[in-house]
């Protein structure tokens, strides 16, 4: 699917080649799984390219960009302007490692999206995303990861092994994560792995869904935090 990301002459608008390449295939998967109402929180929005493209294509879903580094906000805001009236919300600081995230219950967040985030951050970022998703998402809410992963009993691609080594040279806390370990941790937090989709360049789209809790069952599906 073609997903054009418009350019402007705004000098704050930074460009990541990977985001330009993968936006279309990621959007195609998001369209298959996301409902039509509510809000999507993007963790680690970076340049803001994905949010601008996805917000237009997925409207009336509200796209909420966030990043741990507010120096990215000028670029995110510049990209937001290219989306016109269907632009994402203002960016906000979200540190995935924090016990409490900068979100409100009344924002009706039905999905959390992390694109090319967890391999360029510390392991406690991954743990934080899983924990927050378990707390924030409603029953059947979606946690969506995109990026390269290692998997148990599946031989890793040479390019992924080389990429992992390169990342660890930059920062010893970085590196490709083991998807099966993530899946075991998520299951303990009430998030069931629902779908794995192979993507170009040895990446994966991985979908987790929030399991119905006992409280949900007893209250006929009302949300429990």
N, C-alpha and C. Protein backbone atom coordinates (compact mmCIF):
# COMPACT_ATOMS: atom_id res chain seq x y z
N UNK A 1 0.85 -1.19 0.00
CA UNK A 1 0.00 0.00 0.00
C UNK A 1 0.88 1.23 0.00
N UNK A 2 0.54 2.21 -0.85
CA UNK A 2 1.28 3.46 -0.90
C UNK A 2 0.83 4.35 0.24
N UNK A 3 1.76 4.92 0.96
CA UNK A 3 1.46 5.84 2.04
C UNK A 3 2.39 7.02 1.90
N UNK A 4 1.97 8.03 1.19
CA UNK A 4 2.84 9.17 0.93
C UNK A 4 3.00 10.00 2.19
N UNK A 5 4.22 10.46 2.43
CA UNK A 5 4.52 11.33 3.55
C UNK A 5 4.95 12.66 2.96
N UNK A 6 4.09 13.68 2.95
CA UNK A 6 4.39 14.93 2.27
C UNK A 6 5.51 15.69 2.93
N UNK A 7 6.32 16.34 2.11
CA UNK A 7 7.39 17.18 2.61
C UNK A 7 6.94 18.63 2.59
N UNK A 8 7.59 19.45 3.39
CA UNK A 8 7.33 20.88 3.37
C UNK A 8 8.67 21.59 3.45
N UNK A 9 8.62 22.91 3.43
CA UNK A 9 9.87 23.67 3.54
C UNK A 9 10.16 24.06 4.98
N UNK A 10 9.47 23.45 5.93
CA UNK A 10 9.69 23.71 7.34
C UNK A 10 11.03 23.11 7.76
N UNK A 11 11.95 23.96 8.20
CA UNK A 11 13.29 23.49 8.54
C UNK A 11 13.31 22.59 9.77
N UNK A 12 12.25 22.62 10.56
CA UNK A 12 12.19 21.75 11.74
C UNK A 12 11.82 20.32 11.38
N UNK A 13 11.36 20.11 10.16
CA UNK A 13 10.85 18.80 9.74
C UNK A 13 12.01 17.87 9.40
N UNK A 14 12.35 16.97 10.34
CA UNK A 14 13.43 16.02 10.11
C UNK A 14 12.89 14.80 9.37
N UNK A 15 13.79 14.15 8.62
CA UNK A 15 13.37 13.01 7.80
C UNK A 15 14.20 11.78 8.14
N UNK A 16 13.52 10.68 8.41
CA UNK A 16 14.17 9.39 8.62
C UNK A 16 13.81 8.50 7.44
N UNK A 17 14.82 8.02 6.72
CA UNK A 17 14.57 7.21 5.53
C UNK A 17 13.77 5.96 5.86
N UNK A 18 14.06 5.34 7.00
CA UNK A 18 13.35 4.11 7.37
C UNK A 18 11.86 4.38 7.52
N UNK A 19 11.50 5.53 8.13
CA UNK A 19 10.09 5.86 8.31
C UNK A 19 9.40 6.06 6.97
N UNK A 20 10.09 6.70 6.04
CA UNK A 20 9.51 6.90 4.71
C UNK A 20 9.29 5.57 4.00
N UNK A 21 10.21 4.63 4.20
CA UNK A 21 10.11 3.33 3.53
C UNK A 21 9.01 2.45 4.11
N UNK A 22 8.91 2.44 5.44
CA UNK A 22 8.04 1.42 6.05
C UNK A 22 6.64 1.91 6.38
N UNK A 23 6.36 3.18 6.19
CA UNK A 23 5.05 3.72 6.60
C UNK A 23 3.90 2.99 5.92
N UNK A 24 4.03 2.70 4.64
CA UNK A 24 2.93 2.07 3.91
C UNK A 24 2.60 0.68 4.40
N UNK A 25 3.62 -0.14 4.61
CA UNK A 25 3.36 -1.52 5.03
C UNK A 25 2.85 -1.57 6.47
N UNK A 26 3.35 -0.66 7.31
CA UNK A 26 2.85 -0.61 8.69
C UNK A 26 1.40 -0.16 8.71
N UNK A 27 1.09 0.87 7.95
CA UNK A 27 -0.30 1.35 7.89
C UNK A 27 -1.25 0.26 7.43
N UNK A 28 -0.82 -0.53 6.47
CA UNK A 28 -1.66 -1.61 5.98
C UNK A 28 -2.03 -2.57 7.10
N UNK A 29 -1.08 -2.88 7.99
CA UNK A 29 -1.37 -3.77 9.12
C UNK A 29 -2.22 -3.09 10.17
N UNK A 30 -1.96 -1.81 10.43
CA UNK A 30 -2.76 -1.10 11.43
C UNK A 30 -4.23 -1.02 11.02
N UNK A 31 -4.47 -0.83 9.74
CA UNK A 31 -5.85 -0.75 9.26
C UNK A 31 -6.61 -2.06 9.50
N UNK A 32 -5.89 -3.17 9.54
CA UNK A 32 -6.54 -4.46 9.74
C UNK A 32 -6.96 -4.70 11.19
N UNK A 33 -6.32 -4.02 12.12
CA UNK A 33 -6.53 -4.37 13.53
C UNK A 33 -7.15 -3.26 14.37
N UNK A 34 -7.02 -2.01 13.95
CA UNK A 34 -7.49 -0.91 14.79
C UNK A 34 -8.98 -0.66 14.59
N UNK A 35 -9.69 -0.34 15.67
CA UNK A 35 -11.08 0.09 15.53
C UNK A 35 -11.13 1.49 14.92
N UNK A 36 -12.31 2.02 14.75
CA UNK A 36 -12.46 3.31 14.07
C UNK A 36 -12.62 4.48 15.02
N UNK A 37 -12.71 4.21 16.31
CA UNK A 37 -12.85 5.29 17.28
C UNK A 37 -11.87 5.08 18.43
N UNK A 38 -11.65 6.15 19.19
CA UNK A 38 -10.71 6.08 20.29
C UNK A 38 -9.42 6.79 19.95
N UNK A 39 -8.37 6.49 20.70
CA UNK A 39 -7.09 7.15 20.52
C UNK A 39 -5.96 6.12 20.49
N UNK A 40 -4.94 6.43 19.72
CA UNK A 40 -3.74 5.60 19.63
C UNK A 40 -2.57 6.40 20.20
N UNK A 41 -1.89 5.85 21.18
CA UNK A 41 -0.70 6.48 21.74
C UNK A 41 0.53 5.88 21.09
N UNK A 42 1.31 6.73 20.41
CA UNK A 42 2.56 6.28 19.81
C UNK A 42 3.70 6.58 20.78
N UNK A 43 4.44 5.56 21.15
CA UNK A 43 5.59 5.70 22.05
C UNK A 43 6.85 5.83 21.20
N UNK A 44 7.65 6.86 21.46
CA UNK A 44 8.88 7.05 20.69
C UNK A 44 8.61 7.53 19.28
N UNK A 45 7.91 8.65 19.16
CA UNK A 45 7.50 9.15 17.84
C UNK A 45 8.66 9.66 16.99
N UNK A 46 9.77 10.03 17.63
CA UNK A 46 10.96 10.43 16.87
C UNK A 46 10.71 11.65 16.01
N UNK A 47 10.86 11.50 14.69
CA UNK A 47 10.70 12.64 13.78
C UNK A 47 9.25 13.08 13.66
N UNK A 48 8.31 12.17 13.87
CA UNK A 48 6.89 12.49 13.72
C UNK A 48 6.31 12.10 12.38
N UNK A 49 7.11 11.49 11.52
CA UNK A 49 6.64 11.14 10.17
C UNK A 49 5.47 10.16 10.19
N UNK A 50 5.60 9.10 10.98
CA UNK A 50 4.54 8.09 11.02
C UNK A 50 3.22 8.70 11.50
N UNK A 51 3.29 9.47 12.55
CA UNK A 51 2.07 10.04 13.11
C UNK A 51 1.31 10.89 12.11
N UNK A 52 2.02 11.71 11.35
CA UNK A 52 1.36 12.57 10.36
C UNK A 52 0.66 11.75 9.30
N UNK A 53 1.33 10.71 8.81
CA UNK A 53 0.75 9.87 7.76
C UNK A 53 -0.41 9.04 8.29
N UNK A 54 -0.22 8.45 9.46
CA UNK A 54 -1.24 7.54 9.99
C UNK A 54 -2.47 8.29 10.48
N UNK A 55 -2.28 9.48 11.03
CA UNK A 55 -3.41 10.25 11.53
C UNK A 55 -4.37 10.60 10.40
N UNK A 56 -3.84 10.98 9.25
CA UNK A 56 -4.69 11.27 8.10
C UNK A 56 -5.44 10.02 7.64
N UNK A 57 -4.71 8.92 7.55
CA UNK A 57 -5.28 7.69 6.98
C UNK A 57 -6.26 7.00 7.92
N UNK A 58 -6.09 7.17 9.22
CA UNK A 58 -6.90 6.43 10.20
C UNK A 58 -7.99 7.28 10.85
N UNK A 59 -8.09 8.54 10.46
CA UNK A 59 -9.13 9.40 11.02
C UNK A 59 -10.50 8.73 10.89
N UNK A 60 -11.37 8.77 11.94
CA UNK A 60 -11.37 9.66 13.09
C UNK A 60 -10.63 9.15 14.34
N UNK A 61 -9.88 8.07 14.23
CA UNK A 61 -9.00 7.72 15.35
C UNK A 61 -8.08 8.90 15.65
N UNK A 62 -7.85 9.20 16.92
CA UNK A 62 -6.94 10.28 17.29
C UNK A 62 -5.55 9.68 17.53
N UNK A 63 -4.55 10.29 16.90
CA UNK A 63 -3.17 9.82 17.05
C UNK A 63 -2.45 10.74 18.02
N UNK A 64 -1.90 10.16 19.08
CA UNK A 64 -1.21 10.92 20.12
C UNK A 64 0.28 10.61 20.04
N UNK A 65 1.10 11.53 19.52
CA UNK A 65 2.55 11.29 19.47
C UNK A 65 3.19 11.58 20.82
N UNK A 66 4.25 10.84 21.13
CA UNK A 66 4.98 11.08 22.37
C UNK A 66 6.43 10.69 22.18
N UNK A 67 7.27 11.22 23.05
CA UNK A 67 8.68 10.86 23.03
C UNK A 67 9.28 11.17 24.39
N UNK A 68 10.30 10.43 24.75
CA UNK A 68 10.99 10.69 26.00
C UNK A 68 11.84 11.95 25.90
N UNK A 69 12.20 12.34 24.66
CA UNK A 69 13.09 13.47 24.40
C UNK A 69 12.30 14.60 23.75
N UNK A 70 12.06 15.68 24.50
CA UNK A 70 11.24 16.76 23.94
C UNK A 70 11.96 17.58 22.88
N UNK A 71 13.25 17.31 22.64
CA UNK A 71 13.93 17.98 21.53
C UNK A 71 13.39 17.51 20.19
N UNK A 72 12.65 16.41 20.17
CA UNK A 72 12.02 15.93 18.94
C UNK A 72 10.71 16.64 18.63
N UNK A 73 10.22 17.43 19.56
CA UNK A 73 8.87 17.98 19.41
C UNK A 73 8.74 18.97 18.25
N UNK A 74 9.79 19.76 17.97
CA UNK A 74 9.70 20.69 16.85
C UNK A 74 9.48 19.95 15.54
N UNK A 75 10.18 18.82 15.37
CA UNK A 75 9.99 18.03 14.15
C UNK A 75 8.61 17.40 14.13
N UNK A 76 8.17 16.86 15.26
CA UNK A 76 6.84 16.25 15.32
C UNK A 76 5.76 17.28 14.97
N UNK A 77 5.88 18.49 15.53
CA UNK A 77 4.90 19.53 15.24
C UNK A 77 4.93 19.94 13.78
N UNK A 78 6.13 19.98 13.19
CA UNK A 78 6.24 20.33 11.78
C UNK A 78 5.56 19.29 10.90
N UNK A 79 5.76 18.03 11.23
CA UNK A 79 5.08 16.96 10.48
C UNK A 79 3.58 17.01 10.70
N UNK A 80 3.15 17.31 11.92
CA UNK A 80 1.72 17.40 12.20
C UNK A 80 1.03 18.39 11.27
N UNK A 81 1.73 19.47 10.94
CA UNK A 81 1.13 20.50 10.09
C UNK A 81 0.83 19.98 8.69
N UNK A 82 1.55 18.95 8.25
CA UNK A 82 1.32 18.42 6.90
C UNK A 82 0.04 17.59 6.82
N UNK A 83 -0.52 17.24 7.97
CA UNK A 83 -1.71 16.38 7.99
C UNK A 83 -3.01 17.17 7.94
N UNK A 84 -2.92 18.50 7.91
CA UNK A 84 -4.12 19.31 7.81
C UNK A 84 -5.04 19.15 9.00
N UNK A 85 -6.35 19.12 8.72
CA UNK A 85 -7.33 19.07 9.81
C UNK A 85 -7.36 17.73 10.51
N UNK A 86 -6.74 16.71 9.92
CA UNK A 86 -6.70 15.38 10.53
C UNK A 86 -5.35 15.12 11.19
N UNK A 87 -4.77 16.16 11.72
CA UNK A 87 -3.41 16.04 12.28
C UNK A 87 -3.43 15.37 13.65
N UNK A 88 -2.29 14.82 14.07
CA UNK A 88 -2.18 14.27 15.42
C UNK A 88 -2.32 15.36 16.48
N UNK A 89 -2.45 14.94 17.72
CA UNK A 89 -2.48 15.88 18.83
C UNK A 89 -1.09 16.48 19.03
N UNK A 90 -1.01 17.45 19.92
CA UNK A 90 0.29 17.97 20.31
C UNK A 90 1.12 16.84 20.94
N UNK A 91 2.43 16.81 20.68
CA UNK A 91 3.26 15.77 21.29
C UNK A 91 3.39 15.97 22.79
N UNK A 92 3.66 14.89 23.48
CA UNK A 92 3.84 14.95 24.92
C UNK A 92 5.01 14.08 25.33
N UNK A 93 5.55 14.37 26.50
CA UNK A 93 6.64 13.55 27.03
C UNK A 93 6.05 12.30 27.67
N UNK A 94 6.52 11.15 27.21
CA UNK A 94 6.21 9.88 27.84
C UNK A 94 7.51 9.11 27.97
N UNK A 95 7.91 8.86 29.20
CA UNK A 95 9.07 8.02 29.48
C UNK A 95 8.53 6.62 29.78
N UNK A 96 8.77 5.70 28.85
CA UNK A 96 8.20 4.36 28.99
C UNK A 96 8.66 3.66 30.26
N UNK A 97 9.79 4.08 30.82
CA UNK A 97 10.32 3.44 32.02
C UNK A 97 9.60 3.90 33.29
N UNK A 98 8.85 4.98 33.20
CA UNK A 98 8.21 5.56 34.38
C UNK A 98 7.04 4.70 34.85
N UNK A 99 6.77 4.74 36.14
CA UNK A 99 5.67 3.95 36.69
C UNK A 99 4.32 4.51 36.26
N UNK A 100 4.25 5.83 36.11
CA UNK A 100 3.01 6.46 35.64
C UNK A 100 3.31 7.21 34.35
N UNK A 101 2.44 7.03 33.37
CA UNK A 101 2.60 7.70 32.09
C UNK A 101 1.73 8.95 32.03
N UNK A 102 2.10 9.83 31.12
CA UNK A 102 1.42 11.11 30.94
C UNK A 102 0.16 10.92 30.08
N UNK A 103 -0.79 10.15 30.61
CA UNK A 103 -2.06 9.90 29.91
C UNK A 103 -3.20 9.98 30.91
N UNK A 104 -4.40 10.21 30.38
CA UNK A 104 -5.59 10.29 31.23
C UNK A 104 -6.58 9.19 30.84
N UNK A 105 -7.35 8.75 31.80
CA UNK A 105 -8.36 7.71 31.53
C UNK A 105 -9.36 8.17 30.48
N UNK A 106 -9.74 9.47 30.52
CA UNK A 106 -10.79 9.94 29.62
C UNK A 106 -10.31 10.11 28.18
N UNK A 107 -9.03 9.85 27.90
CA UNK A 107 -8.54 9.93 26.52
C UNK A 107 -8.91 8.69 25.70
N UNK A 108 -9.39 7.67 26.36
CA UNK A 108 -9.88 6.46 25.68
C UNK A 108 -8.84 5.88 24.73
N UNK A 109 -7.67 5.62 25.27
CA UNK A 109 -6.60 5.02 24.48
C UNK A 109 -6.91 3.55 24.26
N UNK A 110 -7.07 3.17 23.01
CA UNK A 110 -7.42 1.79 22.67
C UNK A 110 -6.24 1.02 22.07
N UNK A 111 -5.14 1.73 21.83
CA UNK A 111 -3.96 1.06 21.28
C UNK A 111 -2.71 1.84 21.65
N UNK A 112 -1.63 1.11 21.85
CA UNK A 112 -0.30 1.67 22.06
C UNK A 112 0.60 1.12 20.97
N UNK A 113 1.31 2.00 20.28
CA UNK A 113 2.14 1.63 19.14
C UNK A 113 3.59 2.03 19.41
N UNK A 114 4.51 1.11 19.18
CA UNK A 114 5.94 1.39 19.32
C UNK A 114 6.65 0.87 18.07
N UNK A 115 7.12 1.79 17.24
CA UNK A 115 7.73 1.45 15.96
C UNK A 115 9.23 1.71 16.04
N UNK A 116 10.02 0.66 15.87
CA UNK A 116 11.48 0.77 15.93
C UNK A 116 11.94 1.50 17.19
N UNK A 117 11.43 1.03 18.32
CA UNK A 117 11.74 1.66 19.60
C UNK A 117 12.56 0.74 20.51
N UNK A 118 12.11 -0.49 20.69
CA UNK A 118 12.64 -1.27 21.81
C UNK A 118 14.05 -1.79 21.58
N UNK A 119 14.53 -1.82 20.34
CA UNK A 119 15.91 -2.26 20.12
C UNK A 119 16.91 -1.11 20.25
N UNK A 120 16.42 0.13 20.31
CA UNK A 120 17.32 1.28 20.51
C UNK A 120 17.00 1.96 21.84
N UNK A 121 16.66 1.16 22.81
CA UNK A 121 16.42 1.63 24.16
C UNK A 121 16.76 0.49 25.11
N UNK A 122 16.82 0.81 26.39
CA UNK A 122 17.18 -0.20 27.38
C UNK A 122 16.04 -1.19 27.60
N UNK A 123 16.38 -2.33 28.18
CA UNK A 123 15.38 -3.38 28.41
C UNK A 123 14.25 -2.90 29.30
N UNK A 124 14.54 -2.00 30.25
CA UNK A 124 13.46 -1.54 31.12
C UNK A 124 12.45 -0.68 30.37
N UNK A 125 12.81 -0.18 29.18
CA UNK A 125 11.83 0.48 28.33
C UNK A 125 10.81 -0.53 27.82
N UNK A 126 11.29 -1.68 27.36
CA UNK A 126 10.38 -2.74 26.91
C UNK A 126 9.46 -3.18 28.05
N UNK A 127 10.05 -3.41 29.22
CA UNK A 127 9.24 -3.81 30.38
C UNK A 127 8.20 -2.74 30.73
N UNK A 128 8.62 -1.48 30.63
CA UNK A 128 7.71 -0.39 30.94
C UNK A 128 6.53 -0.30 29.99
N UNK A 129 6.79 -0.55 28.70
CA UNK A 129 5.71 -0.53 27.71
C UNK A 129 4.71 -1.64 28.00
N UNK A 130 5.20 -2.83 28.31
CA UNK A 130 4.31 -3.95 28.61
C UNK A 130 3.47 -3.67 29.85
N UNK A 131 4.11 -3.16 30.89
CA UNK A 131 3.41 -2.88 32.14
C UNK A 131 2.35 -1.80 31.95
N UNK A 132 2.72 -0.73 31.24
CA UNK A 132 1.77 0.36 31.03
C UNK A 132 0.61 -0.09 30.15
N UNK A 133 0.90 -0.89 29.13
CA UNK A 133 -0.17 -1.39 28.26
C UNK A 133 -1.17 -2.22 29.06
N UNK A 134 -0.67 -3.03 29.97
CA UNK A 134 -1.54 -3.84 30.82
C UNK A 134 -2.44 -2.96 31.68
N UNK A 135 -1.91 -1.83 32.11
CA UNK A 135 -2.66 -0.94 33.00
C UNK A 135 -3.61 -0.01 32.22
N UNK A 136 -3.16 0.51 31.08
CA UNK A 136 -3.89 1.56 30.37
C UNK A 136 -4.95 1.03 29.43
N UNK A 137 -4.65 -0.06 28.73
CA UNK A 137 -5.53 -0.51 27.66
C UNK A 137 -6.82 -1.13 28.19
N UNK A 138 -7.91 -0.97 27.46
CA UNK A 138 -9.16 -1.64 27.81
C UNK A 138 -9.10 -3.10 27.37
N UNK A 139 -10.07 -3.88 27.77
CA UNK A 139 -10.18 -5.25 27.28
C UNK A 139 -10.18 -5.26 25.76
N UNK A 140 -9.36 -6.12 25.18
CA UNK A 140 -9.19 -6.24 23.74
C UNK A 140 -8.39 -5.09 23.13
N UNK A 141 -7.87 -4.20 23.97
CA UNK A 141 -7.00 -3.14 23.48
C UNK A 141 -5.72 -3.72 22.90
N UNK A 142 -5.06 -2.94 22.05
CA UNK A 142 -3.96 -3.44 21.23
C UNK A 142 -2.63 -2.82 21.62
N UNK A 143 -1.62 -3.67 21.75
CA UNK A 143 -0.23 -3.24 21.83
C UNK A 143 0.46 -3.71 20.56
N UNK A 144 1.05 -2.77 19.82
CA UNK A 144 1.60 -3.05 18.50
C UNK A 144 3.08 -2.69 18.47
N UNK A 145 3.91 -3.67 18.16
CA UNK A 145 5.34 -3.44 17.97
C UNK A 145 5.71 -3.65 16.50
N UNK A 146 6.63 -2.83 16.02
CA UNK A 146 7.25 -3.06 14.71
C UNK A 146 8.75 -2.95 14.88
N UNK A 147 9.47 -3.89 14.28
CA UNK A 147 10.92 -3.83 14.31
C UNK A 147 11.53 -5.22 14.15
N UNK A 148 12.84 -5.32 14.28
CA UNK A 148 13.51 -6.62 14.19
C UNK A 148 13.52 -7.31 15.55
N UNK A 149 13.41 -8.62 15.54
CA UNK A 149 13.40 -9.41 16.77
C UNK A 149 14.23 -10.68 16.58
N UNK A 150 14.71 -11.22 17.70
CA UNK A 150 15.19 -12.60 17.73
C UNK A 150 14.04 -13.47 18.23
N UNK A 151 14.09 -14.77 17.85
CA UNK A 151 13.05 -15.70 18.30
C UNK A 151 13.68 -17.03 18.68
N UNK A 152 13.08 -17.70 19.67
CA UNK A 152 13.55 -19.02 20.08
C UNK A 152 13.39 -20.00 18.92
N UNK A 153 14.39 -20.84 18.74
CA UNK A 153 14.32 -21.95 17.78
C UNK A 153 14.13 -21.51 16.33
N UNK A 154 14.42 -20.25 16.05
CA UNK A 154 14.38 -19.75 14.67
C UNK A 154 15.71 -19.07 14.39
N UNK A 155 16.41 -19.55 13.38
CA UNK A 155 17.72 -19.01 13.07
C UNK A 155 17.61 -17.55 12.68
N UNK A 156 18.44 -16.72 13.30
CA UNK A 156 18.40 -15.29 13.03
C UNK A 156 19.02 -14.98 11.68
N UNK A 157 18.45 -14.01 10.99
CA UNK A 157 19.01 -13.55 9.72
C UNK A 157 20.37 -12.91 9.97
N UNK A 158 21.29 -13.09 9.04
CA UNK A 158 22.62 -12.51 9.18
C UNK A 158 22.55 -11.00 9.36
N UNK A 159 21.63 -10.36 8.64
CA UNK A 159 21.50 -8.91 8.75
C UNK A 159 21.06 -8.49 10.15
N UNK A 160 20.21 -9.29 10.78
CA UNK A 160 19.77 -8.97 12.14
C UNK A 160 20.88 -9.19 13.15
N UNK A 161 21.68 -10.23 12.96
CA UNK A 161 22.82 -10.46 13.84
C UNK A 161 23.82 -9.31 13.74
N UNK A 162 24.07 -8.86 12.52
CA UNK A 162 25.01 -7.75 12.32
C UNK A 162 24.45 -6.46 12.91
N UNK A 163 23.15 -6.25 12.74
CA UNK A 163 22.52 -5.05 13.28
C UNK A 163 22.57 -5.05 14.80
N UNK A 164 22.32 -6.20 15.41
CA UNK A 164 22.38 -6.33 16.86
C UNK A 164 23.78 -5.99 17.38
N UNK A 165 24.80 -6.51 16.71
CA UNK A 165 26.18 -6.24 17.12
C UNK A 165 26.50 -4.75 16.98
N UNK A 166 26.02 -4.16 15.91
CA UNK A 166 26.25 -2.73 15.68
C UNK A 166 25.60 -1.89 16.77
N UNK A 167 24.37 -2.24 17.14
CA UNK A 167 23.67 -1.51 18.18
C UNK A 167 24.39 -1.61 19.52
N UNK A 168 24.86 -2.81 19.85
CA UNK A 168 25.54 -3.01 21.13
C UNK A 168 26.86 -2.25 21.20
N UNK A 169 27.49 -2.02 20.05
CA UNK A 169 28.70 -1.20 20.03
C UNK A 169 28.38 0.25 20.34
N UNK A 170 27.20 0.70 19.89
CA UNK A 170 26.79 2.07 20.18
C UNK A 170 26.38 2.24 21.64
N UNK A 171 25.66 1.23 22.15
CA UNK A 171 25.17 1.29 23.52
C UNK A 171 24.92 -0.14 23.98
N UNK A 172 25.59 -0.53 25.03
CA UNK A 172 25.50 -1.92 25.48
C UNK A 172 24.10 -2.30 25.97
N UNK A 173 23.26 -1.30 26.27
CA UNK A 173 21.89 -1.57 26.70
C UNK A 173 20.94 -1.77 25.53
N UNK A 174 21.42 -1.50 24.32
CA UNK A 174 20.58 -1.66 23.14
C UNK A 174 20.73 -3.06 22.56
N UNK A 175 19.91 -3.35 21.57
CA UNK A 175 20.01 -4.63 20.88
C UNK A 175 18.64 -5.22 20.58
N UNK A 176 18.62 -6.16 19.64
CA UNK A 176 17.37 -6.82 19.28
C UNK A 176 16.84 -7.62 20.46
N UNK A 177 15.53 -7.58 20.65
CA UNK A 177 14.90 -8.27 21.78
C UNK A 177 14.36 -9.63 21.33
N UNK A 178 14.27 -10.53 22.30
CA UNK A 178 13.73 -11.86 22.05
C UNK A 178 12.21 -11.81 22.15
N UNK A 179 11.54 -12.05 21.05
CA UNK A 179 10.09 -11.93 21.01
C UNK A 179 9.41 -12.94 21.92
N UNK A 180 9.98 -14.11 22.04
CA UNK A 180 9.35 -15.14 22.88
C UNK A 180 9.43 -14.77 24.36
N UNK A 181 10.53 -14.13 24.76
CA UNK A 181 10.62 -13.63 26.13
C UNK A 181 9.59 -12.53 26.36
N UNK A 182 9.47 -11.61 25.42
CA UNK A 182 8.47 -10.55 25.53
C UNK A 182 7.07 -11.15 25.64
N UNK A 183 6.81 -12.18 24.86
CA UNK A 183 5.48 -12.80 24.87
C UNK A 183 5.18 -13.46 26.20
N UNK A 184 6.19 -14.07 26.81
CA UNK A 184 5.99 -14.70 28.13
C UNK A 184 5.72 -13.63 29.19
N UNK A 185 6.48 -12.55 29.14
CA UNK A 185 6.26 -11.47 30.10
C UNK A 185 4.89 -10.84 29.91
N UNK A 186 4.52 -10.62 28.66
CA UNK A 186 3.23 -9.98 28.38
C UNK A 186 2.07 -10.85 28.86
N UNK A 187 2.20 -12.15 28.69
CA UNK A 187 1.13 -13.06 29.11
C UNK A 187 0.89 -12.95 30.61
N UNK A 188 1.97 -12.82 31.37
CA UNK A 188 1.84 -12.67 32.81
C UNK A 188 1.16 -11.36 33.20
N UNK A 189 1.16 -10.40 32.26
CA UNK A 189 0.56 -9.09 32.50
C UNK A 189 -0.84 -8.97 31.88
N UNK A 190 -1.36 -10.07 31.37
CA UNK A 190 -2.70 -10.05 30.80
C UNK A 190 -2.76 -9.62 29.35
N UNK A 191 -1.62 -9.72 28.65
CA UNK A 191 -1.55 -9.36 27.24
C UNK A 191 -1.20 -10.61 26.44
N UNK A 192 -2.09 -11.03 25.58
CA UNK A 192 -1.87 -12.24 24.79
C UNK A 192 -1.37 -11.89 23.39
N UNK A 193 -0.33 -12.60 22.95
CA UNK A 193 0.15 -12.38 21.59
C UNK A 193 -0.89 -12.87 20.61
N UNK A 194 -1.31 -11.99 19.73
CA UNK A 194 -2.42 -12.28 18.83
C UNK A 194 -1.98 -12.53 17.39
N UNK A 195 -0.89 -11.89 16.98
CA UNK A 195 -0.55 -11.92 15.56
C UNK A 195 0.91 -11.55 15.35
N UNK A 196 1.56 -12.27 14.42
CA UNK A 196 2.91 -11.92 13.97
C UNK A 196 2.87 -11.86 12.45
N UNK A 197 3.36 -10.76 11.90
CA UNK A 197 3.38 -10.58 10.45
C UNK A 197 4.80 -10.29 10.01
N UNK A 198 5.32 -11.09 9.10
CA UNK A 198 6.65 -10.84 8.55
C UNK A 198 6.61 -9.62 7.64
N UNK A 199 7.61 -8.76 7.79
CA UNK A 199 7.67 -7.51 7.04
C UNK A 199 9.00 -7.44 6.27
N UNK A 200 9.15 -6.47 5.39
CA UNK A 200 10.41 -6.35 4.64
C UNK A 200 11.61 -6.15 5.55
N UNK A 201 12.78 -6.54 5.03
CA UNK A 201 14.06 -6.35 5.71
C UNK A 201 14.11 -7.02 7.08
N UNK A 202 13.49 -8.19 7.18
CA UNK A 202 13.54 -9.02 8.39
C UNK A 202 12.95 -8.35 9.62
N UNK A 203 11.96 -7.50 9.40
CA UNK A 203 11.21 -6.91 10.51
C UNK A 203 9.92 -7.69 10.73
N UNK A 204 9.31 -7.45 11.88
CA UNK A 204 8.02 -8.06 12.21
C UNK A 204 7.05 -7.01 12.71
N UNK A 205 5.78 -7.20 12.41
CA UNK A 205 4.70 -6.54 13.14
C UNK A 205 4.17 -7.54 14.15
N UNK A 206 4.09 -7.14 15.40
CA UNK A 206 3.61 -8.04 16.45
C UNK A 206 2.46 -7.37 17.19
N UNK A 207 1.36 -8.10 17.31
CA UNK A 207 0.15 -7.56 17.93
C UNK A 207 -0.15 -8.34 19.21
N UNK A 208 -0.32 -7.61 20.31
CA UNK A 208 -0.79 -8.18 21.57
C UNK A 208 -2.16 -7.58 21.88
N UNK A 209 -3.00 -8.37 22.53
CA UNK A 209 -4.32 -7.88 22.94
C UNK A 209 -4.51 -8.06 24.44
N UNK A 210 -5.16 -7.08 25.03
CA UNK A 210 -5.44 -7.12 26.46
C UNK A 210 -6.53 -8.15 26.74
N UNK A 211 -6.20 -9.08 27.61
CA UNK A 211 -7.13 -10.15 27.97
C UNK A 211 -8.22 -9.63 28.90
N UNK A 212 -9.40 -10.21 28.78
CA UNK A 212 -10.49 -9.86 29.69
C UNK A 212 -10.13 -10.32 31.10
N UNK A 213 -10.30 -9.44 32.07
CA UNK A 213 -9.98 -9.77 33.45
C UNK A 213 -11.21 -10.30 34.16
N UNK A 214 -10.99 -10.84 35.36
CA UNK A 214 -12.11 -11.34 36.16
C UNK A 214 -13.06 -10.20 36.52
N UNK A 215 -12.47 -9.03 36.78
CA UNK A 215 -13.31 -7.87 37.12
C UNK A 215 -14.18 -7.49 35.93
N UNK A 216 -13.57 -7.54 34.71
CA UNK A 216 -14.34 -7.23 33.50
C UNK A 216 -15.52 -8.19 33.36
N UNK A 217 -15.25 -9.47 33.59
CA UNK A 217 -16.29 -10.48 33.44
C UNK A 217 -17.44 -10.23 34.41
N UNK A 218 -17.09 -9.90 35.65
CA UNK A 218 -18.12 -9.71 36.67
C UNK A 218 -18.93 -8.44 36.45
N UNK A 219 -18.33 -7.45 35.75
CA UNK A 219 -19.03 -6.18 35.54
C UNK A 219 -19.52 -6.03 34.11
N UNK A 220 -19.65 -7.17 33.41
CA UNK A 220 -20.18 -7.18 32.04
C UNK A 220 -19.35 -6.35 31.08
N UNK A 221 -18.05 -6.43 31.26
CA UNK A 221 -17.17 -5.82 30.27
C UNK A 221 -16.73 -4.41 30.57
N UNK A 222 -17.08 -3.84 31.71
CA UNK A 222 -16.61 -2.49 32.00
C UNK A 222 -15.12 -2.52 32.24
N UNK A 223 -14.47 -1.40 31.95
CA UNK A 223 -13.01 -1.37 32.00
C UNK A 223 -12.51 -1.40 33.43
N UNK A 224 -11.44 -2.16 33.65
CA UNK A 224 -10.81 -2.23 34.97
C UNK A 224 -9.37 -1.79 34.86
N UNK A 225 -8.94 -0.90 35.74
CA UNK A 225 -7.54 -0.45 35.76
C UNK A 225 -6.79 -1.14 36.89
